[in-house]
Structure formats: structure tokens, C-alpha cells
Amino acid sequence: MAKKPSSAGLTGLERRGGGVFFVFYLLLLPLAAGPARRLAGDLLGRRVPEELYGAVYYYVLFAVTAILFHRLLGRTTRRFLDAPSLALKTAAVGLVAHYGLCELASRLGRVLTDRSGNLNDSAISARAGSAPHMTLLIVLFLAPFVEETLFRGLVFGGLKEKSRPLAYAASCGLFALAHVWQFAVANRDAGYFLMMLQYLIPGLVLAWAYDHAGTLWASIGLHAGVNTLSVLAGRV
């Protein structure tokens, strides 16, 4: 079966409103998470558990994303229903490619920096131990849905019309930056930016999955699969 063209043609609202939301999501919301949690605790008169706040945080992101990009999501869902087997096969191939390429990147990363381990995997494992159900809700659906809609649907999809190489570079680079910059700022250590290498490969594979299958549900499914294996690996 020939591969389907990706869901191109973002609306003006998706480009403008989505662009503003993406900047808030990438740079401002992570810094506001701690103060917002403390404010919620003051208003409620009791401490808000981190796991509960995380679930509410991602649900709000999910709701805003679904509202802003409802037309894109409608188009990408119709493309999935047109060729579900292509999306599933793409996700499966992407999962194999992800782990093979990430192993190579991990070995290279250990040469460049003395920091070992994956920041995302460590965070998932820590949350899974204290709040397994909420963690599963976040990592299996909410986070993949939000991140794939923004990094692949908005960034990759918007730039692909101008340049496919630029679309890959921008979506991969921003995806990697989003996962490490908070650690670099919090620890005042620019060395954390070297760990972006760990996320360039996943970003590349996820963008390929969207580009090849023509539907965000391929990259969402792949993202959810990677996160699922990270949770299972943390329990071994």
C-alpha cells in the first residue's frame, strides 16, 4: 500500500493560537508548575500531591490541545481510519528503530558526558512507583497526545510545507530541548544540554512515523509504546 500524505494545511487559528500555546508550553509553563502547585495548596488549605498535580496539569494541556487543534485532529483521525494497517506497521517499525538507534546514541553520549541514564525514563520510573495509575494515564495517553500534536502536528506539519529537512531539524531539536533545558536551568549546569542527544533520535523516529503514515496516531501510538516499555523496564 502506498504511504498516505501527511495531514497538511494548518488553519490560521492552529498556526497562531497553537504557536502561542506552544511557546507557553515549552518555556513558561514548566517554570510556573512549582509556584502554581504551591498556590493551589494555599487556596485548598492543604498540600497538593505532586502526582495529582501532574495529572491535572497534563489533563489541562490535553484539553487545550484538543480545542486548538480539533480540525487537525479530525483530519489525522480520518487518515488513520483510511489506512489503519499502515499506521500500525509504521509504529511497529518505529519502535524497533527507536531502540536500535537510541542504543547507539546512548553509547556515544557516555563518551561525551559522564551523566548516564535517560532523564525521561528516570522521571517515569519515579512517578510509576508512587502513583502508578496516574503515571500510566499521563505516559500512555496524555503526554504522547500533547507532545505529538505540538512537535509533530504543529512544528513538523507547519514547516514541512516549506522544507522537509527544516521540519525534521526543528521538530527534533525543539523536542530534545524541551526534555533537558529545565534540568540545565535548575542545576545551573549547561552540561545537561549534551543530553539532548538522547532525544534527537526519538524525535527523528517520531517525525518519520508521522511523515510516513500521514497520521498523528502513528506517532502517538509509537510514543505511547516507548513510554510503556520505559515503565515496564523501571519495574524490572
C-alpha atoms as a PDB file:
ATOM      1  CA  MET A   1       0.000   0.000   0.000  1.00  0.00           C
ATOM      2  CA  ALA A   2       1.351   3.439  -0.905  1.00  0.00           C
ATOM      3  CA  LYS A   3       2.038   5.692   2.009  1.00  0.00           C
ATOM      4  CA  LYS A   4      -0.526   8.365   2.751  1.00  0.00           C
ATOM      5  CA  PRO A   5       0.337  12.064   2.517  1.00  0.00           C
ATOM      6  CA  SER A   6       0.576  13.781   5.879  1.00  0.00           C
ATOM      7  CA  SER A   7      -2.187  15.972   7.226  1.00  0.00           C
ATOM      8  CA  ALA A   8      -1.056  19.286   5.815  1.00  0.00           C
ATOM      9  CA  GLY A   9      -2.732  22.669   5.826  1.00  0.00           C
ATOM     10  CA  LEU A  10      -2.961  24.021   9.358  1.00  0.00           C
ATOM     11  CA  THR A  11      -5.668  26.624   9.832  1.00  0.00           C
ATOM     12  CA  GLY A  12      -4.859  30.184  10.840  1.00  0.00           C
ATOM     13  CA  LEU A  13      -6.079  29.508  14.388  1.00  0.00           C
ATOM     14  CA  GLU A  14      -3.929  26.411  14.633  1.00  0.00           C
ATOM     15  CA  ARG A  15      -0.875  28.296  13.432  1.00  0.00           C
ATOM     16  CA  ARG A  16      -1.322  31.451  15.517  1.00  0.00           C
ATOM     17  CA  GLY A  17      -3.092  30.151  18.590  1.00  0.00           C
ATOM     18  CA  GLY A  18      -1.140  26.924  18.539  1.00  0.00           C
ATOM     19  CA  GLY A  19       2.123  28.822  18.146  1.00  0.00           C
ATOM     20  CA  VAL A  20       1.419  30.979  21.204  1.00  0.00           C
ATOM     21  CA  PHE A  21       0.370  27.936  23.212  1.00  0.00           C
ATOM     22  CA  PHE A  22       3.500  26.085  22.120  1.00  0.00           C
ATOM     23  CA  VAL A  23       5.766  28.870  23.419  1.00  0.00           C
ATOM     24  CA  PHE A  24       3.935  28.837  26.764  1.00  0.00           C
ATOM     25  CA  TYR A  25       4.146  25.054  26.890  1.00  0.00           C
ATOM     26  CA  LEU A  26       7.826  24.921  26.024  1.00  0.00           C
ATOM     27  CA  LEU A  27       9.248  27.826  28.043  1.00  0.00           C
ATOM     28  CA  LEU A  28       6.794  29.268  30.563  1.00  0.00           C
ATOM     29  CA  LEU A  29       4.558  26.520  31.920  1.00  0.00           C
ATOM     30  CA  PRO A  30       7.437  24.368  33.238  1.00  0.00           C
ATOM     31  CA  LEU A  31       8.692  27.325  35.289  1.00  0.00           C
ATOM     32  CA  ALA A  32       5.187  28.080  36.550  1.00  0.00           C
ATOM     33  CA  ALA A  33       4.424  24.493  37.611  1.00  0.00           C
ATOM     34  CA  GLY A  34       6.029  24.726  41.056  1.00  0.00           C
ATOM     35  CA  PRO A  35       4.516  28.105  42.030  1.00  0.00           C
ATOM     36  CA  ALA A  36       1.114  27.050  40.677  1.00  0.00           C
ATOM     37  CA  ARG A  37       1.165  23.887  42.760  1.00  0.00           C
ATOM     38  CA  ARG A  38       2.046  25.856  45.911  1.00  0.00           C
ATOM     39  CA  LEU A  39      -0.700  28.395  45.154  1.00  0.00           C
ATOM     40  CA  ALA A  40      -3.238  25.594  44.711  1.00  0.00           C
ATOM     41  CA  GLY A  41      -2.150  24.171  48.075  1.00  0.00           C
ATOM     42  CA  ASP A  42      -2.592  27.560  49.760  1.00  0.00           C
ATOM     43  CA  LEU A  43      -6.065  28.005  48.278  1.00  0.00           C
ATOM     44  CA  LEU A  44      -7.138  24.490  49.277  1.00  0.00           C
ATOM     45  CA  GLY A  45      -5.527  24.703  52.693  1.00  0.00           C
ATOM     46  CA  ARG A  46      -3.515  21.527  52.205  1.00  0.00           C
ATOM     47  CA  ARG A  47      -0.596  20.194  50.245  1.00  0.00           C
ATOM     48  CA  VAL A  48      -1.383  19.056  46.707  1.00  0.00           C
ATOM     49  CA  PRO A  49       0.385  15.751  45.916  1.00  0.00           C
ATOM     50  CA  GLU A  50       2.820  16.044  43.040  1.00  0.00           C
ATOM     51  CA  GLU A  51       1.248  13.078  41.270  1.00  0.00           C
ATOM     52  CA  LEU A  52      -2.254  14.604  41.415  1.00  0.00           C
ATOM     53  CA  TYR A  53      -0.985  17.968  40.245  1.00  0.00           C
ATOM     54  CA  GLY A  54       0.833  16.274  37.363  1.00  0.00           C
ATOM     55  CA  ALA A  55      -2.353  14.538  36.228  1.00  0.00           C
ATOM     56  CA  VAL A  56      -4.370  17.771  36.379  1.00  0.00           C
ATOM     57  CA  TYR A  57      -1.557  19.644  34.607  1.00  0.00           C
ATOM     58  CA  TYR A  58      -1.494  17.200  31.702  1.00  0.00           C
ATOM     59  CA  TYR A  59      -5.275  16.992  31.507  1.00  0.00           C
ATOM     60  CA  VAL A  60      -5.458  20.775  31.097  1.00  0.00           C
ATOM     61  CA  LEU A  61      -2.760  20.589  28.395  1.00  0.00           C
ATOM     62  CA  PHE A  62      -4.743  17.805  26.728  1.00  0.00           C
ATOM     63  CA  ALA A  63      -7.968  19.828  26.780  1.00  0.00           C
ATOM     64  CA  VAL A  64      -6.350  22.988  25.380  1.00  0.00           C
ATOM     65  CA  THR A  65      -4.548  20.981  22.697  1.00  0.00           C
ATOM     66  CA  ALA A  66      -7.745  19.197  21.661  1.00  0.00           C
ATOM     67  CA  ILE A  67      -9.638  22.507  21.410  1.00  0.00           C
ATOM     68  CA  LEU A  68      -6.945  24.401  19.487  1.00  0.00           C
ATOM     69  CA  PHE A  69      -6.157  21.587  17.055  1.00  0.00           C
ATOM     70  CA  HIS A  70      -9.567  19.952  16.679  1.00  0.00           C
ATOM     71  CA  ARG A  71      -9.542  20.354  12.895  1.00  0.00           C
ATOM     72  CA  LEU A  72      -6.060  18.875  12.552  1.00  0.00           C
ATOM     73  CA  LEU A  73      -7.035  16.016  14.856  1.00  0.00           C
ATOM     74  CA  GLY A  74     -10.173  15.396  12.830  1.00  0.00           C
ATOM     75  CA  ARG A  75      -8.179  15.207   9.593  1.00  0.00           C
ATOM     76  CA  THR A  76      -5.484  12.995  11.087  1.00  0.00           C
ATOM     77  CA  THR A  77      -8.105  10.640  12.543  1.00  0.00           C
ATOM     78  CA  ARG A  78      -9.794  10.260   9.158  1.00  0.00           C
ATOM     79  CA  ARG A  79      -6.424   9.430   7.593  1.00  0.00           C
ATOM     80  CA  PHE A  80      -5.853   6.795  10.257  1.00  0.00           C
ATOM     81  CA  LEU A  81      -9.255   5.246   9.580  1.00  0.00           C
ATOM     82  CA  ASP A  82      -8.470   5.217   5.849  1.00  0.00           C
ATOM     83  CA  ALA A  83      -5.326   3.094   6.387  1.00  0.00           C
ATOM     84  CA  PRO A  84      -5.069   1.766   9.970  1.00  0.00           C
ATOM     85  CA  SER A  85      -2.702  -1.047   8.984  1.00  0.00           C
ATOM     86  CA  LEU A  86      -0.157   1.427   7.619  1.00  0.00           C
ATOM     87  CA  ALA A  87      -0.202   3.401  10.886  1.00  0.00           C
ATOM     88  CA  LEU A  88       0.200   0.248  12.991  1.00  0.00           C
ATOM     89  CA  LYS A  89       3.034  -1.111  10.836  1.00  0.00           C
ATOM     90  CA  THR A  90       4.772   2.269  10.910  1.00  0.00           C
ATOM     91  CA  ALA A  91       4.543   2.412  14.702  1.00  0.00           C
ATOM     92  CA  ALA A  92       5.952  -1.121  14.983  1.00  0.00           C
ATOM     93  CA  VAL A  93       8.888  -0.377  12.671  1.00  0.00           C
ATOM     94  CA  GLY A  94       9.479   2.884  14.508  1.00  0.00           C
ATOM     95  CA  LEU A  95       9.626   1.102  17.847  1.00  0.00           C
ATOM     96  CA  VAL A  96      12.378  -1.220  16.615  1.00  0.00           C
ATOM     97  CA  ALA A  97      14.279   1.642  15.013  1.00  0.00           C
ATOM     98  CA  HIS A  98      13.925   3.757  18.137  1.00  0.00           C
ATOM     99  CA  TYR A  99      15.617   1.261  20.429  1.00  0.00           C
ATOM    100  CA  GLY A 100      18.328   0.334  17.978  1.00  0.00           C
ATOM    101  CA  LEU A 101      19.306   3.928  17.262  1.00  0.00           C
ATOM    102  CA  CYS A 102      18.922   5.011  20.890  1.00  0.00           C
ATOM    103  CA  GLU A 103      21.378   2.347  21.973  1.00  0.00           C
ATOM    104  CA  LEU A 104      23.960   3.803  19.602  1.00  0.00           C
ATOM    105  CA  ALA A 105      23.190   7.325  20.830  1.00  0.00           C
ATOM    106  CA  SER A 106      23.491   6.190  24.438  1.00  0.00           C
ATOM    107  CA  ARG A 107      26.938   4.742  23.834  1.00  0.00           C
ATOM    108  CA  LEU A 108      28.030   7.954  22.139  1.00  0.00           C
ATOM    109  CA  GLY A 109      26.527  10.006  24.952  1.00  0.00           C
ATOM    110  CA  ARG A 110      28.582   8.145  27.534  1.00  0.00           C
ATOM    111  CA  VAL A 111      31.685   9.146  25.609  1.00  0.00           C
ATOM    112  CA  LEU A 112      30.722  12.829  25.563  1.00  0.00           C
ATOM    113  CA  THR A 113      29.437  13.177  29.128  1.00  0.00           C
ATOM    114  CA  ASP A 114      29.758  11.363  32.435  1.00  0.00           C
ATOM    115  CA  ARG A 115      25.996  11.612  33.002  1.00  0.00           C
ATOM    116  CA  SER A 116      24.378   8.242  32.463  1.00  0.00           C
ATOM    117  CA  GLY A 117      20.753   7.265  32.175  1.00  0.00           C
ATOM    118  CA  ASN A 118      17.790   8.853  30.478  1.00  0.00           C
ATOM    119  CA  LEU A 119      16.147  11.798  32.237  1.00  0.00           C
ATOM    120  CA  ASN A 120      12.716  10.900  30.910  1.00  0.00           C
ATOM    121  CA  ASP A 121      12.992   7.236  31.910  1.00  0.00           C
ATOM    122  CA  SER A 122      14.128   8.206  35.407  1.00  0.00           C
ATOM    123  CA  ALA A 123      11.190  10.565  35.868  1.00  0.00           C
ATOM    124  CA  ILE A 124       8.703   7.975  34.620  1.00  0.00           C
ATOM    125  CA  SER A 125      10.129   5.274  36.901  1.00  0.00           C
ATOM    126  CA  ALA A 126       9.982   7.546  39.943  1.00  0.00           C
ATOM    127  CA  ARG A 127       6.369   8.513  39.308  1.00  0.00           C
ATOM    128  CA  ALA A 128       5.313   4.958  38.494  1.00  0.00           C
ATOM    129  CA  GLY A 129       6.498   3.800  41.902  1.00  0.00           C
ATOM    130  CA  SER A 130       4.494   6.355  43.882  1.00  0.00           C
ATOM    131  CA  ALA A 131       1.417   6.781  41.657  1.00  0.00           C
ATOM    132  CA  PRO A 132       1.181   4.007  39.060  1.00  0.00           C
ATOM    133  CA  HIS A 133      -2.346   4.708  37.828  1.00  0.00           C
ATOM    134  CA  MET A 134      -1.850   8.432  37.313  1.00  0.00           C
ATOM    135  CA  THR A 135       1.528   7.804  35.737  1.00  0.00           C
ATOM    136  CA  LEU A 136       0.025   5.354  33.259  1.00  0.00           C
ATOM    137  CA  LEU A 137      -2.679   7.877  32.353  1.00  0.00           C
ATOM    138  CA  ILE A 138      -0.028  10.514  31.659  1.00  0.00           C
ATOM    139  CA  VAL A 139       2.616   8.451  29.855  1.00  0.00           C
ATOM    140  CA  LEU A 140       0.280   6.209  27.849  1.00  0.00           C
ATOM    141  CA  PHE A 141      -2.031   8.870  26.510  1.00  0.00           C
ATOM    142  CA  LEU A 142      -1.948  12.453  27.766  1.00  0.00           C
ATOM    143  CA  ALA A 143       1.754  13.215  27.240  1.00  0.00           C
ATOM    144  CA  PRO A 144       2.048  11.435  23.847  1.00  0.00           C
ATOM    145  CA  PHE A 145      -1.129  13.137  22.631  1.00  0.00           C
ATOM    146  CA  VAL A 146       0.009  16.631  23.631  1.00  0.00           C
ATOM    147  CA  GLU A 147       3.639  16.280  22.534  1.00  0.00           C
ATOM    148  CA  GLU A 148       2.888  14.675  19.183  1.00  0.00           C
ATOM    149  CA  THR A 149       0.225  17.233  18.318  1.00  0.00           C
ATOM    150  CA  LEU A 150       2.619  20.078  19.118  1.00  0.00           C
ATOM    151  CA  PHE A 151       6.023  18.820  17.974  1.00  0.00           C
ATOM    152  CA  ARG A 152       4.855  16.777  15.012  1.00  0.00           C
ATOM    153  CA  GLY A 153       1.460  18.236  14.081  1.00  0.00           C
ATOM    154  CA  LEU A 154       2.276  21.918  14.606  1.00  0.00           C
ATOM    155  CA  VAL A 155       6.049  22.220  14.177  1.00  0.00           C
ATOM    156  CA  PHE A 156       6.753  19.438  11.673  1.00  0.00           C
ATOM    157  CA  GLY A 157       3.462  19.777   9.826  1.00  0.00           C
ATOM    158  CA  GLY A 158       3.738  23.551   9.596  1.00  0.00           C
ATOM    159  CA  LEU A 159       7.323  23.611   8.370  1.00  0.00           C
ATOM    160  CA  LYS A 160       7.095  20.614   6.058  1.00  0.00           C
ATOM    161  CA  GLU A 161       5.209  22.728   3.509  1.00  0.00           C
ATOM    162  CA  LYS A 162       8.322  24.924   3.214  1.00  0.00           C
ATOM    163  CA  SER A 163      11.128  22.414   3.734  1.00  0.00           C
ATOM    164  CA  ARG A 164      11.066  18.798   4.850  1.00  0.00           C
ATOM    165  CA  PRO A 165      14.696  18.881   6.190  1.00  0.00           C
ATOM    166  CA  LEU A 166      13.869  22.030   8.170  1.00  0.00           C
ATOM    167  CA  ALA A 167      10.747  20.378   9.536  1.00  0.00           C
ATOM    168  CA  TYR A 168      12.745  17.379  10.756  1.00  0.00           C
ATOM    169  CA  ALA A 169      15.504  19.547  12.230  1.00  0.00           C
ATOM    170  CA  ALA A 170      13.157  21.935  14.041  1.00  0.00           C
ATOM    171  CA  SER A 171      10.803  19.306  15.452  1.00  0.00           C
ATOM    172  CA  CYS A 172      13.685  17.084  16.619  1.00  0.00           C
ATOM    173  CA  GLY A 173      15.705  19.947  18.080  1.00  0.00           C
ATOM    174  CA  LEU A 174      12.806  21.509  19.969  1.00  0.00           C
ATOM    175  CA  PHE A 175      11.664  18.097  21.214  1.00  0.00           C
ATOM    176  CA  ALA A 176      15.144  17.427  22.597  1.00  0.00           C
ATOM    177  CA  LEU A 177      15.425  20.906  24.106  1.00  0.00           C
ATOM    178  CA  ALA A 178      12.071  20.555  25.857  1.00  0.00           C
ATOM    179  CA  HIS A 179      13.295  17.481  27.744  1.00  0.00           C
ATOM    180  CA  VAL A 180      16.572  18.867  29.112  1.00  0.00           C
ATOM    181  CA  TRP A 181      16.569  22.648  29.470  1.00  0.00           C
ATOM    182  CA  GLN A 182      14.745  22.619  32.820  1.00  0.00           C
ATOM    183  CA  PHE A 183      17.421  20.376  34.324  1.00  0.00           C
ATOM    184  CA  ALA A 184      20.154  22.648  32.979  1.00  0.00           C
ATOM    185  CA  VAL A 185      18.495  25.725  34.486  1.00  0.00           C
ATOM    186  CA  ALA A 186      17.575  24.105  37.800  1.00  0.00           C
ATOM    187  CA  ASN A 187      21.086  22.744  38.308  1.00  0.00           C
ATOM    188  CA  ARG A 188      22.836  25.706  36.670  1.00  0.00           C
ATOM    189  CA  ASP A 189      24.796  23.251  34.571  1.00  0.00           C
ATOM    190  CA  ALA A 190      24.993  23.697  30.801  1.00  0.00           C
ATOM    191  CA  GLY A 191      26.391  20.164  30.568  1.00  0.00           C
ATOM    192  CA  TYR A 192      22.834  18.871  30.634  1.00  0.00           C
ATOM    193  CA  PHE A 193      22.369  20.188  27.114  1.00  0.00           C
ATOM    194  CA  LEU A 194      24.681  17.396  25.949  1.00  0.00           C
ATOM    195  CA  MET A 195      21.913  15.014  26.932  1.00  0.00           C
ATOM    196  CA  MET A 196      19.791  16.424  24.117  1.00  0.00           C
ATOM    197  CA  LEU A 197      21.467  13.748  22.010  1.00  0.00           C
ATOM    198  CA  GLN A 198      19.268  11.180  23.770  1.00  0.00           C
ATOM    199  CA  TYR A 199      16.140  12.872  22.441  1.00  0.00           C
ATOM    200  CA  LEU A 200      17.234  13.728  18.909  1.00  0.00           C
ATOM    201  CA  ILE A 201      16.855  10.087  17.867  1.00  0.00           C
ATOM    202  CA  PRO A 202      13.346   9.641  19.341  1.00  0.00           C
ATOM    203  CA  GLY A 203      12.336  12.965  17.807  1.00  0.00           C
ATOM    204  CA  LEU A 204      13.610  11.839  14.412  1.00  0.00           C
ATOM    205  CA  VAL A 205      11.816   8.483  14.565  1.00  0.00           C
ATOM    206  CA  LEU A 206       8.558  10.056  15.753  1.00  0.00           C
ATOM    207  CA  ALA A 207       8.671  12.652  12.976  1.00  0.00           C
ATOM    208  CA  TRP A 208       9.335   9.887  10.454  1.00  0.00           C
ATOM    209  CA  ALA A 209       6.346   7.914  11.758  1.00  0.00           C
ATOM    210  CA  TYR A 210       4.050  10.896  11.257  1.00  0.00           C
ATOM    211  CA  ASP A 211       5.533  11.711   7.872  1.00  0.00           C
ATOM    212  CA  HIS A 212       5.416   8.116   6.613  1.00  0.00           C
ATOM    213  CA  ALA A 213       1.948   7.124   7.847  1.00  0.00           C
ATOM    214  CA  GLY A 214       0.362  10.541   7.289  1.00  0.00           C
ATOM    215  CA  THR A 215      -1.428  10.478  10.637  1.00  0.00           C
ATOM    216  CA  LEU A 216      -0.526  11.659  14.113  1.00  0.00           C
ATOM    217  CA  TRP A 217      -1.986   8.466  15.561  1.00  0.00           C
ATOM    218  CA  ALA A 218       1.040   6.566  14.238  1.00  0.00           C
ATOM    219  CA  SER A 219       3.476   8.773  16.163  1.00  0.00           C
ATOM    220  CA  ILE A 220       1.153   8.951  19.195  1.00  0.00           C
ATOM    221  CA  GLY A 221       0.971   5.153  19.278  1.00  0.00           C
ATOM    222  CA  LEU A 222       4.734   4.859  18.877  1.00  0.00           C
ATOM    223  CA  HIS A 223       5.324   7.445  21.622  1.00  0.00           C
ATOM    224  CA  ALA A 224       2.929   5.610  23.941  1.00  0.00           C
ATOM    225  CA  GLY A 225       4.678   2.311  23.197  1.00  0.00           C
ATOM    226  CA  VAL A 226       8.096   3.750  24.038  1.00  0.00           C
ATOM    227  CA  ASN A 227       6.767   5.176  27.301  1.00  0.00           C
ATOM    228  CA  THR A 228       5.081   1.883  28.167  1.00  0.00           C
ATOM    229  CA  LEU A 229       8.336  -0.023  27.771  1.00  0.00           C
ATOM    230  CA  SER A 230      10.078   2.600  29.909  1.00  0.00           C
ATOM    231  CA  VAL A 231       7.565   1.981  32.708  1.00  0.00           C
ATOM    232  CA  LEU A 232       7.956  -1.790  32.414  1.00  0.00           C
ATOM    233  CA  ALA A 233      11.741  -1.526  32.374  1.00  0.00           C
ATOM    234  CA  GLY A 234      11.623   0.529  35.557  1.00  0.00           C
ATOM    235  CA  ARG A 235       9.769  -2.247  37.328  1.00  0.00           C
ATOM    236  CA  VAL A 236      12.221  -4.998  36.387  1.00  0.00           C
END
